[in-house]
C-alpha atoms as a PDB file:
ATOM      1  CA  MET A   1      58.637 -77.658  23.269  1.00  0.00           C
ATOM      2  CA  GLY A   2      58.132 -75.851  19.953  1.00  0.00           C
ATOM      3  CA  PHE A   3      55.077 -74.048  21.346  1.00  0.00           C
ATOM      4  CA  LEU A   4      57.106 -72.917  24.401  1.00  0.00           C
ATOM      5  CA  LYS A   5      59.843 -71.441  22.162  1.00  0.00           C
ATOM      6  CA  ILE A   6      57.276 -69.518  20.113  1.00  0.00           C
ATOM      7  CA  LEU A   7      55.652 -68.226  23.310  1.00  0.00           C
ATOM      8  CA  LEU A   8      58.981 -67.047  24.720  1.00  0.00           C
ATOM      9  CA  ILE A   9      59.863 -65.284  21.445  1.00  0.00           C
ATOM     10  CA  PHE A  10      56.462 -63.551  21.449  1.00  0.00           C
ATOM     11  CA  ILE A  11      56.931 -62.354  25.053  1.00  0.00           C
ATOM     12  CA  PHE A  12      60.466 -61.158  24.332  1.00  0.00           C
ATOM     13  CA  CYS A  13      59.387 -59.140  21.283  1.00  0.00           C
ATOM     14  CA  SER A  14      56.273 -57.700  22.933  1.00  0.00           C
ATOM     15  CA  PHE A  15      57.876 -56.471  26.147  1.00  0.00           C
ATOM     16  CA  PRO A  16      58.702 -52.714  26.037  1.00  0.00           C
ATOM     17  CA  TRP A  17      62.447 -52.786  26.607  1.00  0.00           C
ATOM     18  CA  PRO A  18      64.160 -49.559  27.672  1.00  0.00           C
ATOM     19  CA  SER A  19      65.867 -47.517  24.973  1.00  0.00           C
ATOM     20  CA  SER A  20      69.646 -47.612  24.845  1.00  0.00           C
ATOM     21  CA  GLN A  21      71.508 -44.389  25.582  1.00  0.00           C
ATOM     22  CA  SER A  22      72.750 -44.260  21.980  1.00  0.00           C
ATOM     23  CA  ASP A  23      69.144 -44.020  20.703  1.00  0.00           C
ATOM     24  CA  LEU A  24      68.395 -40.924  22.762  1.00  0.00           C
ATOM     25  CA  ASP A  25      68.756 -37.311  21.654  1.00  0.00           C
ATOM     26  CA  THR A  26      68.038 -34.179  23.672  1.00  0.00           C
ATOM     27  CA  TYR A  27      65.148 -32.081  22.360  1.00  0.00           C
ATOM     28  CA  ILE A  28      63.651 -28.735  23.350  1.00  0.00           C
ATOM     29  CA  VAL A  29      59.881 -29.253  23.313  1.00  0.00           C
ATOM     30  CA  HIS A  30      57.447 -26.333  23.031  1.00  0.00           C
ATOM     31  CA  VAL A  31      53.878 -26.949  24.236  1.00  0.00           C
ATOM     32  CA  GLU A  32      50.711 -24.880  24.508  1.00  0.00           C
ATOM     33  CA  ALA A  33      50.073 -23.194  27.831  1.00  0.00           C
ATOM     34  CA  LEU A  34      46.794 -24.375  29.353  1.00  0.00           C
ATOM     35  CA  LYS A  35      44.623 -21.504  30.555  1.00  0.00           C
ATOM     36  CA  SER A  36      44.166 -23.270  33.890  1.00  0.00           C
ATOM     37  CA  LEU A  37      47.947 -23.195  34.407  1.00  0.00           C
ATOM     38  CA  LEU A  38      48.235 -19.481  33.682  1.00  0.00           C
ATOM     39  CA  SER A  39      46.213 -18.491  36.741  1.00  0.00           C
ATOM     40  CA  THR A  40      47.895 -17.142  39.845  1.00  0.00           C
ATOM     41  CA  GLN A  41      46.673 -20.163  41.814  1.00  0.00           C
ATOM     42  CA  SER A  42      48.524 -22.703  39.684  1.00  0.00           C
ATOM     43  CA  SER A  43      51.990 -23.755  40.834  1.00  0.00           C
ATOM     44  CA  LEU A  44      55.186 -24.719  39.063  1.00  0.00           C
ATOM     45  CA  ARG A  45      54.541 -28.259  40.275  1.00  0.00           C
ATOM     46  CA  ASP A  46      51.231 -28.272  38.357  1.00  0.00           C
ATOM     47  CA  LEU A  47      53.032 -27.023  35.260  1.00  0.00           C
ATOM     48  CA  GLU A  48      55.693 -29.714  35.529  1.00  0.00           C
ATOM     49  CA  SER A  49      53.010 -32.389  35.940  1.00  0.00           C
ATOM     50  CA  TYR A  50      51.487 -31.124  32.694  1.00  0.00           C
ATOM     51  CA  TYR A  51      54.879 -31.366  30.988  1.00  0.00           C
ATOM     52  CA  LEU A  52      55.336 -34.911  32.288  1.00  0.00           C
ATOM     53  CA  SER A  53      52.064 -35.922  30.628  1.00  0.00           C
ATOM     54  CA  PHE A  54      53.838 -35.553  27.269  1.00  0.00           C
ATOM     55  CA  MET A  55      56.616 -37.952  28.219  1.00  0.00           C
ATOM     56  CA  PRO A  56      56.594 -41.557  26.934  1.00  0.00           C
ATOM     57  CA  LYS A  57      55.217 -44.197  29.258  1.00  0.00           C
ATOM     58  CA  THR A  58      57.628 -46.974  30.160  1.00  0.00           C
ATOM     59  CA  THR A  59      57.837 -49.919  32.504  1.00  0.00           C
ATOM     60  CA  THR A  60      61.431 -49.197  33.492  1.00  0.00           C
ATOM     61  CA  ILE A  61      62.262 -47.392  36.716  1.00  0.00           C
ATOM     62  CA  SER A  62      65.371 -45.259  37.058  1.00  0.00           C
ATOM     63  CA  ALA A  63      67.531 -45.100  40.175  1.00  0.00           C
ATOM     64  CA  SER A  64      66.249 -41.610  40.959  1.00  0.00           C
ATOM     65  CA  GLY A  65      62.562 -42.410  40.565  1.00  0.00           C
ATOM     66  CA  ASN A  66      60.427 -42.822  37.484  1.00  0.00           C
ATOM     67  CA  GLU A  67      61.844 -42.811  33.984  1.00  0.00           C
ATOM     68  CA  GLU A  68      59.707 -39.903  32.756  1.00  0.00           C
ATOM     69  CA  THR A  69      61.210 -37.574  35.356  1.00  0.00           C
ATOM     70  CA  ALA A  70      64.719 -38.876  34.740  1.00  0.00           C
ATOM     71  CA  ARG A  71      64.526 -38.095  31.025  1.00  0.00           C
ATOM     72  CA  MET A  72      63.078 -34.598  31.467  1.00  0.00           C
ATOM     73  CA  ILE A  73      66.233 -32.642  32.184  1.00  0.00           C
ATOM     74  CA  TYR A  74      64.913 -29.040  32.287  1.00  0.00           C
ATOM     75  CA  SER A  75      61.501 -27.393  32.453  1.00  0.00           C
ATOM     76  CA  TYR A  76      60.748 -23.802  31.441  1.00  0.00           C
ATOM     77  CA  HIS A  77      58.036 -21.333  32.436  1.00  0.00           C
ATOM     78  CA  ASN A  78      59.392 -17.845  31.681  1.00  0.00           C
ATOM     79  CA  VAL A  79      61.151 -17.903  28.317  1.00  0.00           C
ATOM     80  CA  MET A  80      58.628 -20.407  26.935  1.00  0.00           C
ATOM     81  CA  LYS A  81      56.176 -23.071  28.019  1.00  0.00           C
ATOM     82  CA  GLY A  82      57.972 -26.338  27.517  1.00  0.00           C
ATOM     83  CA  PHE A  83      60.839 -28.543  28.562  1.00  0.00           C
ATOM     84  CA  ALA A  84      63.995 -30.329  27.441  1.00  0.00           C
ATOM     85  CA  ALA A  85      64.027 -34.115  27.417  1.00  0.00           C
ATOM     86  CA  ARG A  86      65.994 -37.087  26.139  1.00  0.00           C
ATOM     87  CA  LEU A  87      63.887 -38.977  23.601  1.00  0.00           C
ATOM     88  CA  THR A  88      64.170 -41.517  20.815  1.00  0.00           C
ATOM     89  CA  ALA A  89      62.929 -40.610  17.340  1.00  0.00           C
ATOM     90  CA  SER A  90      59.899 -42.892  17.733  1.00  0.00           C
ATOM     91  CA  GLN A  91      59.033 -41.390  21.127  1.00  0.00           C
ATOM     92  CA  LEU A  92      59.163 -37.921  19.618  1.00  0.00           C
ATOM     93  CA  LYS A  93      56.751 -38.987  16.869  1.00  0.00           C
ATOM     94  CA  GLU A  94      54.311 -40.252  19.488  1.00  0.00           C
ATOM     95  CA  MET A  95      54.659 -37.017  21.439  1.00  0.00           C
ATOM     96  CA  GLU A  96      53.834 -34.973  18.331  1.00  0.00           C
ATOM     97  CA  LYS A  97      50.361 -36.586  18.261  1.00  0.00           C
ATOM     98  CA  LYS A  98      49.421 -35.370  21.742  1.00  0.00           C
ATOM     99  CA  PRO A  99      47.088 -32.374  22.169  1.00  0.00           C
ATOM    100  CA  GLY A 100      49.026 -29.275  23.168  1.00  0.00           C
ATOM    101  CA  PHE A 101      52.245 -30.220  21.378  1.00  0.00           C
ATOM    102  CA  VAL A 102      53.616 -27.288  19.333  1.00  0.00           C
ATOM    103  CA  SER A 103      57.130 -28.128  18.156  1.00  0.00           C
ATOM    104  CA  ALA A 104      60.410 -29.799  19.037  1.00  0.00           C
ATOM    105  CA  ARG A 105      63.976 -29.436  17.865  1.00  0.00           C
ATOM    106  CA  ARG A 106      67.202 -31.194  18.644  1.00  0.00           C
ATOM    107  CA  GLN A 107      69.572 -29.363  20.990  1.00  0.00           C
ATOM    108  CA  ARG A 108      72.409 -27.252  19.616  1.00  0.00           C
ATOM    109  CA  ILE A 109      75.828 -26.779  21.150  1.00  0.00           C
ATOM    110  CA  LEU A 110      77.021 -23.178  21.209  1.00  0.00           C
ATOM    111  CA  SER A 111      80.596 -21.962  21.633  1.00  0.00           C
ATOM    112  CA  LEU A 112      82.305 -19.179  23.573  1.00  0.00           C
ATOM    113  CA  HIS A 113      82.461 -15.690  22.052  1.00  0.00           C
ATOM    114  CA  THR A 114      84.150 -12.476  23.183  1.00  0.00           C
ATOM    115  CA  THR A 115      84.293  -8.951  21.775  1.00  0.00           C
ATOM    116  CA  HIS A 116      85.611  -5.512  22.752  1.00  0.00           C
ATOM    117  CA  THR A 117      82.375  -4.329  24.367  1.00  0.00           C
ATOM    118  CA  PRO A 118      83.317  -0.814  25.614  1.00  0.00           C
ATOM    119  CA  SER A 119      84.751   0.248  22.260  1.00  0.00           C
ATOM    120  CA  PHE A 120      81.850  -1.410  20.430  1.00  0.00           C
ATOM    121  CA  LEU A 121      79.392   0.629  22.532  1.00  0.00           C
ATOM    122  CA  GLY A 122      81.445   3.803  22.136  1.00  0.00           C
ATOM    123  CA  LEU A 123      81.877   4.227  25.905  1.00  0.00           C
ATOM    124  CA  GLN A 124      84.305   6.814  27.270  1.00  0.00           C
ATOM    125  CA  GLN A 125      85.288   6.547  30.917  1.00  0.00           C
ATOM    126  CA  ASN A 126      85.002  10.194  31.996  1.00  0.00           C
ATOM    127  CA  MET A 127      81.925  11.330  30.081  1.00  0.00           C
ATOM    128  CA  GLY A 128      78.551  10.299  28.674  1.00  0.00           C
ATOM    129  CA  LEU A 129      76.574   7.201  29.607  1.00  0.00           C
ATOM    130  CA  TRP A 130      79.440   5.481  31.404  1.00  0.00           C
ATOM    131  CA  LYS A 131      79.928   8.391  33.797  1.00  0.00           C
ATOM    132  CA  ASP A 132      76.181   9.005  34.283  1.00  0.00           C
ATOM    133  CA  SER A 133      75.431   5.356  35.148  1.00  0.00           C
ATOM    134  CA  ASN A 134      77.058   5.681  38.606  1.00  0.00           C
ATOM    135  CA  ASN A 135      79.280   2.681  37.848  1.00  0.00           C
ATOM    136  CA  GLY A 136      76.261   0.367  37.777  1.00  0.00           C
ATOM    137  CA  LYS A 137      75.362   0.840  41.442  1.00  0.00           C
ATOM    138  CA  GLY A 138      72.277  -1.209  42.376  1.00  0.00           C
ATOM    139  CA  VAL A 139      72.228  -3.128  39.081  1.00  0.00           C
ATOM    140  CA  ILE A 140      72.252  -6.951  39.013  1.00  0.00           C
ATOM    141  CA  ILE A 141      74.031  -8.553  36.054  1.00  0.00           C
ATOM    142  CA  GLY A 142      73.408 -12.209  35.250  1.00  0.00           C
ATOM    143  CA  VAL A 143      76.385 -13.875  33.550  1.00  0.00           C
ATOM    144  CA  ILE A 144      75.548 -17.041  31.604  1.00  0.00           C
ATOM    145  CA  ASP A 145      78.851 -18.694  30.766  1.00  0.00           C
ATOM    146  CA  THR A 146      81.445 -21.214  32.026  1.00  0.00           C
ATOM    147  CA  GLY A 147      81.107 -20.305  35.713  1.00  0.00           C
ATOM    148  CA  ILE A 148      83.356 -18.103  37.823  1.00  0.00           C
ATOM    149  CA  SER A 149      86.565 -18.098  39.884  1.00  0.00           C
ATOM    150  CA  PRO A 150      85.168 -16.494  43.062  1.00  0.00           C
ATOM    151  CA  ASP A 151      88.533 -15.776  44.687  1.00  0.00           C
ATOM    152  CA  HIS A 152      89.610 -13.480  41.844  1.00  0.00           C
ATOM    153  CA  PRO A 153      90.200  -9.923  43.189  1.00  0.00           C
ATOM    154  CA  SER A 154      87.756  -8.523  40.618  1.00  0.00           C
ATOM    155  CA  PHE A 155      84.953 -10.033  42.693  1.00  0.00           C
ATOM    156  CA  SER A 156      85.887  -8.485  46.030  1.00  0.00           C
ATOM    157  CA  ASP A 157      82.909  -6.876  47.774  1.00  0.00           C
ATOM    158  CA  VAL A 158      84.867  -4.130  49.544  1.00  0.00           C
ATOM    159  CA  GLY A 159      82.631  -1.054  49.499  1.00  0.00           C
ATOM    160  CA  MET A 160      79.698  -2.969  47.986  1.00  0.00           C
ATOM    161  CA  PRO A 161      76.212  -2.603  49.525  1.00  0.00           C
ATOM    162  CA  PRO A 162      73.922  -5.631  50.013  1.00  0.00           C
ATOM    163  CA  PRO A 163      71.926  -6.705  46.945  1.00  0.00           C
ATOM    164  CA  PRO A 164      68.634  -4.897  46.233  1.00  0.00           C
ATOM    165  CA  ALA A 165      65.515  -6.093  48.057  1.00  0.00           C
ATOM    166  CA  LYS A 166      64.088  -7.480  44.808  1.00  0.00           C
ATOM    167  CA  TRP A 167      66.860 -10.105  44.618  1.00  0.00           C
ATOM    168  CA  LYS A 168      65.483 -13.660  44.939  1.00  0.00           C
ATOM    169  CA  GLY A 169      68.438 -15.698  43.713  1.00  0.00           C
ATOM    170  CA  VAL A 170      70.754 -18.014  45.628  1.00  0.00           C
ATOM    171  CA  CYS A 171      74.247 -19.377  45.796  1.00  0.00           C
ATOM    172  CA  GLN A 172      73.864 -23.132  45.619  1.00  0.00           C
ATOM    173  CA  SER A 173      74.713 -25.009  48.805  1.00  0.00           C
ATOM    174  CA  ASN A 174      78.243 -26.107  47.840  1.00  0.00           C
ATOM    175  CA  PHE A 175      79.164 -22.521  46.932  1.00  0.00           C
ATOM    176  CA  MET A 176      77.536 -20.361  49.629  1.00  0.00           C
ATOM    177  CA  LYS A 177      80.800 -19.480  51.406  1.00  0.00           C
ATOM    178  CA  LYS A 178      82.193 -18.078  48.149  1.00  0.00           C
ATOM    179  CA  CYS A 179      79.408 -15.532  47.655  1.00  0.00           C
ATOM    180  CA  ASN A 180      79.423 -11.982  48.993  1.00  0.00           C
ATOM    181  CA  ASN A 181      77.832  -8.599  48.263  1.00  0.00           C
ATOM    182  CA  LYS A 182      79.546  -8.568  44.852  1.00  0.00           C
ATOM    183  CA  LEU A 183      78.977 -12.167  43.770  1.00  0.00           C
ATOM    184  CA  ILE A 184      75.422 -12.630  45.019  1.00  0.00           C
ATOM    185  CA  GLY A 185      74.348 -15.740  43.104  1.00  0.00           C
ATOM    186  CA  ALA A 186      75.930 -18.831  41.558  1.00  0.00           C
ATOM    187  CA  ARG A 187      74.402 -21.982  40.103  1.00  0.00           C
ATOM    188  CA  SER A 188      75.403 -24.693  37.650  1.00  0.00           C
ATOM    189  CA  TYR A 189      73.115 -26.011  34.911  1.00  0.00           C
ATOM    190  CA  VAL A 190      75.705 -28.386  33.445  1.00  0.00           C
ATOM    191  CA  LEU A 191      74.249 -31.861  33.972  1.00  0.00           C
ATOM    192  CA  ASP A 192      77.478 -33.649  34.873  1.00  0.00           C
ATOM    193  CA  ASP A 193      79.091 -30.752  36.756  1.00  0.00           C
ATOM    194  CA  GLY A 194      77.337 -29.481  39.863  1.00  0.00           C
ATOM    195  CA  SER A 195      79.833 -26.739  40.730  1.00  0.00           C
ATOM    196  CA  PRO A 196      79.723 -23.116  39.473  1.00  0.00           C
ATOM    197  CA  ILE A 197      83.553 -23.030  39.566  1.00  0.00           C
ATOM    198  CA  ASP A 198      85.047 -21.909  36.251  1.00  0.00           C
ATOM    199  CA  SER A 199      87.391 -24.543  34.778  1.00  0.00           C
ATOM    200  CA  ASN A 200      87.739 -22.700  31.475  1.00  0.00           C
ATOM    201  CA  GLY A 201      88.350 -19.036  32.313  1.00  0.00           C
ATOM    202  CA  HIS A 202      85.904 -17.498  29.847  1.00  0.00           C
ATOM    203  CA  GLY A 203      83.144 -16.940  32.411  1.00  0.00           C
ATOM    204  CA  THR A 204      85.536 -15.274  34.845  1.00  0.00           C
ATOM    205  CA  HIS A 205      86.775 -13.050  32.016  1.00  0.00           C
ATOM    206  CA  THR A 206      83.297 -11.965  30.893  1.00  0.00           C
ATOM    207  CA  ALA A 207      82.052 -11.422  34.470  1.00  0.00           C
ATOM    208  CA  SER A 208      85.046  -9.225  35.320  1.00  0.00           C
ATOM    209  CA  THR A 209      84.622  -7.339  32.043  1.00  0.00           C
ATOM    210  CA  ALA A 210      80.973  -6.634  32.862  1.00  0.00           C
ATOM    211  CA  ALA A 211      81.271  -5.771  36.550  1.00  0.00           C
ATOM    212  CA  GLY A 212      84.785  -6.321  37.865  1.00  0.00           C
ATOM    213  CA  ALA A 213      85.744  -4.242  40.910  1.00  0.00           C
ATOM    214  CA  PHE A 214      88.664  -1.795  40.876  1.00  0.00           C
ATOM    215  CA  VAL A 215      91.891  -3.825  41.149  1.00  0.00           C
ATOM    216  CA  LYS A 216      95.054  -1.771  41.606  1.00  0.00           C
ATOM    217  CA  GLY A 217      98.437  -3.034  40.476  1.00  0.00           C
ATOM    218  CA  ALA A 218      97.086  -5.099  37.600  1.00  0.00           C
ATOM    219  CA  ASN A 219      99.496  -5.960  34.790  1.00  0.00           C
ATOM    220  CA  VAL A 220     100.012  -8.279  31.840  1.00  0.00           C
ATOM    221  CA  PHE A 221     103.055 -10.462  32.480  1.00  0.00           C
ATOM    222  CA  GLY A 222     104.670  -7.602  34.397  1.00  0.00           C
ATOM    223  CA  ASN A 223     103.880  -4.979  31.767  1.00  0.00           C
ATOM    224  CA  ALA A 224     101.243  -2.212  31.501  1.00  0.00           C
ATOM    225  CA  ASN A 225     100.810  -1.685  35.231  1.00  0.00           C
ATOM    226  CA  GLY A 226      97.576   0.038  36.166  1.00  0.00           C
ATOM    227  CA  THR A 227      94.100  -0.448  37.600  1.00  0.00           C
ATOM    228  CA  ALA A 228      91.798  -3.089  36.133  1.00  0.00           C
ATOM    229  CA  VAL A 229      88.067  -2.383  36.260  1.00  0.00           C
ATOM    230  CA  GLY A 230      84.881  -3.651  34.639  1.00  0.00           C
ATOM    231  CA  VAL A 231      82.252  -1.639  32.786  1.00  0.00           C
ATOM    232  CA  ALA A 232      80.004  -1.489  35.886  1.00  0.00           C
ATOM    233  CA  PRO A 233      82.275  -1.965  38.928  1.00  0.00           C
ATOM    234  CA  LEU A 234      79.525  -1.284  41.484  1.00  0.00           C
ATOM    235  CA  ALA A 235      77.049  -3.752  39.955  1.00  0.00           C
ATOM    236  CA  HIS A 236      76.230  -7.100  41.559  1.00  0.00           C
ATOM    237  CA  ILE A 237      76.919 -10.368  39.724  1.00  0.00           C
ATOM    238  CA  SER A 238      74.953 -13.607  39.574  1.00  0.00           C
ATOM    239  CA  VAL A 239      76.542 -16.485  37.668  1.00  0.00           C
ATOM    240  CA  TYR A 240      74.774 -19.280  35.775  1.00  0.00           C
ATOM    241  CA  LYS A 241      77.129 -21.984  34.534  1.00  0.00           C
ATOM    242  CA  VAL A 242      75.971 -23.598  31.276  1.00  0.00           C
ATOM    243  CA  CYS A 243      79.236 -24.611  29.571  1.00  0.00           C
ATOM    244  CA  ASN A 244      81.656 -27.462  30.219  1.00  0.00           C
ATOM    245  CA  PRO A 245      85.446 -26.943  30.537  1.00  0.00           C
ATOM    246  CA  ALA A 246      85.831 -27.462  26.774  1.00  0.00           C
ATOM    247  CA  GLY A 247      83.574 -24.454  26.150  1.00  0.00           C
ATOM    248  CA  GLU A 248      80.607 -26.471  24.876  1.00  0.00           C
ATOM    249  CA  CYS A 249      77.283 -24.893  25.889  1.00  0.00           C
ATOM    250  CA  SER A 250      73.952 -26.629  25.242  1.00  0.00           C
ATOM    251  CA  ASP A 251      70.993 -24.407  24.413  1.00  0.00           C
ATOM    252  CA  PRO A 252      68.636 -26.383  26.733  1.00  0.00           C
ATOM    253  CA  ALA A 253      70.921 -25.425  29.643  1.00  0.00           C
ATOM    254  CA  ILE A 254      71.087 -21.812  28.430  1.00  0.00           C
ATOM    255  CA  LEU A 255      67.273 -21.591  28.363  1.00  0.00           C
ATOM    256  CA  ALA A 256      67.122 -23.036  31.897  1.00  0.00           C
ATOM    257  CA  ALA A 257      69.607 -20.424  33.105  1.00  0.00           C
ATOM    258  CA  ILE A 258      67.676 -17.558  31.486  1.00  0.00           C
ATOM    259  CA  ASP A 259      64.466 -18.904  33.023  1.00  0.00           C
ATOM    260  CA  ALA A 260      66.069 -18.904  36.491  1.00  0.00           C
ATOM    261  CA  ALA A 261      67.669 -15.481  36.024  1.00  0.00           C
ATOM    262  CA  ILE A 262      64.256 -13.946  35.316  1.00  0.00           C
ATOM    263  CA  ASP A 263      62.891 -15.457  38.538  1.00  0.00           C
ATOM    264  CA  ASP A 264      65.935 -14.210  40.452  1.00  0.00           C
ATOM    265  CA  GLY A 265      65.345 -10.575  39.508  1.00  0.00           C
ATOM    266  CA  ILE A 266      68.372  -9.774  37.364  1.00  0.00           C
ATOM    267  CA  ASP A 267      68.429  -6.508  35.386  1.00  0.00           C
ATOM    268  CA  ILE A 268      70.864  -7.378  32.595  1.00  0.00           C
ATOM    269  CA  LEU A 269      71.895 -10.675  31.010  1.00  0.00           C
ATOM    270  CA  SER A 270      75.434 -11.153  29.708  1.00  0.00           C
ATOM    271  CA  ILE A 271      75.629 -14.068  27.252  1.00  0.00           C
ATOM    272  CA  SER A 272      78.908 -14.184  25.316  1.00  0.00           C
ATOM    273  CA  LEU A 273      78.013 -17.360  23.422  1.00  0.00           C
ATOM    274  CA  GLY A 274      77.020 -18.118  19.849  1.00  0.00           C
ATOM    275  CA  GLY A 275      76.787 -20.611  17.023  1.00  0.00           C
ATOM    276  CA  ASP A 276      79.030 -21.183  14.060  1.00  0.00           C
ATOM    277  CA  GLN A 277      79.255 -18.358  11.546  1.00  0.00           C
ATOM    278  CA  ARG A 278      77.281 -19.152   8.405  1.00  0.00           C
ATOM    279  CA  ARG A 279      76.796 -17.209   5.211  1.00  0.00           C
ATOM    280  CA  ILE A 280      73.281 -15.845   4.718  1.00  0.00           C
END
């Protein structure tokens, strides 16, 4: 009986039990790019398989497939070679020993920022760069923020041409009916929120500031009647949601959005986000 107890204790202690959620942190992991994966013949699937080789091996299986895939939450190929994953401290130490590992850092949460862009840039509506830019016609602006309210009149596509031929982006399936020749792309990179809809208001504000259409009869609580317009009213908009309704934006999600925006063919990125102010 005593031998059986010792045996059971040994088995219990030796078995690789899954890590609890409280032990896991999200890290951005930078790895070396293999020359074989930089060729034109290599695919993104090959690159992701390489990233998965860095992940810890485990005997547990998640509901969506294997645990390695479940814990890798984003993979990157444009802004950097690497990925974001949920890891324990001990798993990160093991990963650091693997050939090709460069660095890793814990995720940061950024907050929403806004400034008076036209006055900051010294733009004047009837002269100079603003006038010569043809109101942004043919330009695609990627807005990385809290999402968008697609029914806002600033995103009407009246008088807008189709997006340029170089455009490769999409409106995700649950949002396709909301897109038009003005709002040409919309995706969410918030893990627990699959909709690009803006529940905060900041993303709608920044998108309309950048490229809002001409809206007549605009006012502020019945005062200051006039026409509201963005900096580039003839530009197209693609939205990448990276922030939750509380305005918390993880930098792994921001990197994933930038990575996708580059693939999509955007011309300009609008990112009105930042960290806490610190003295240098």
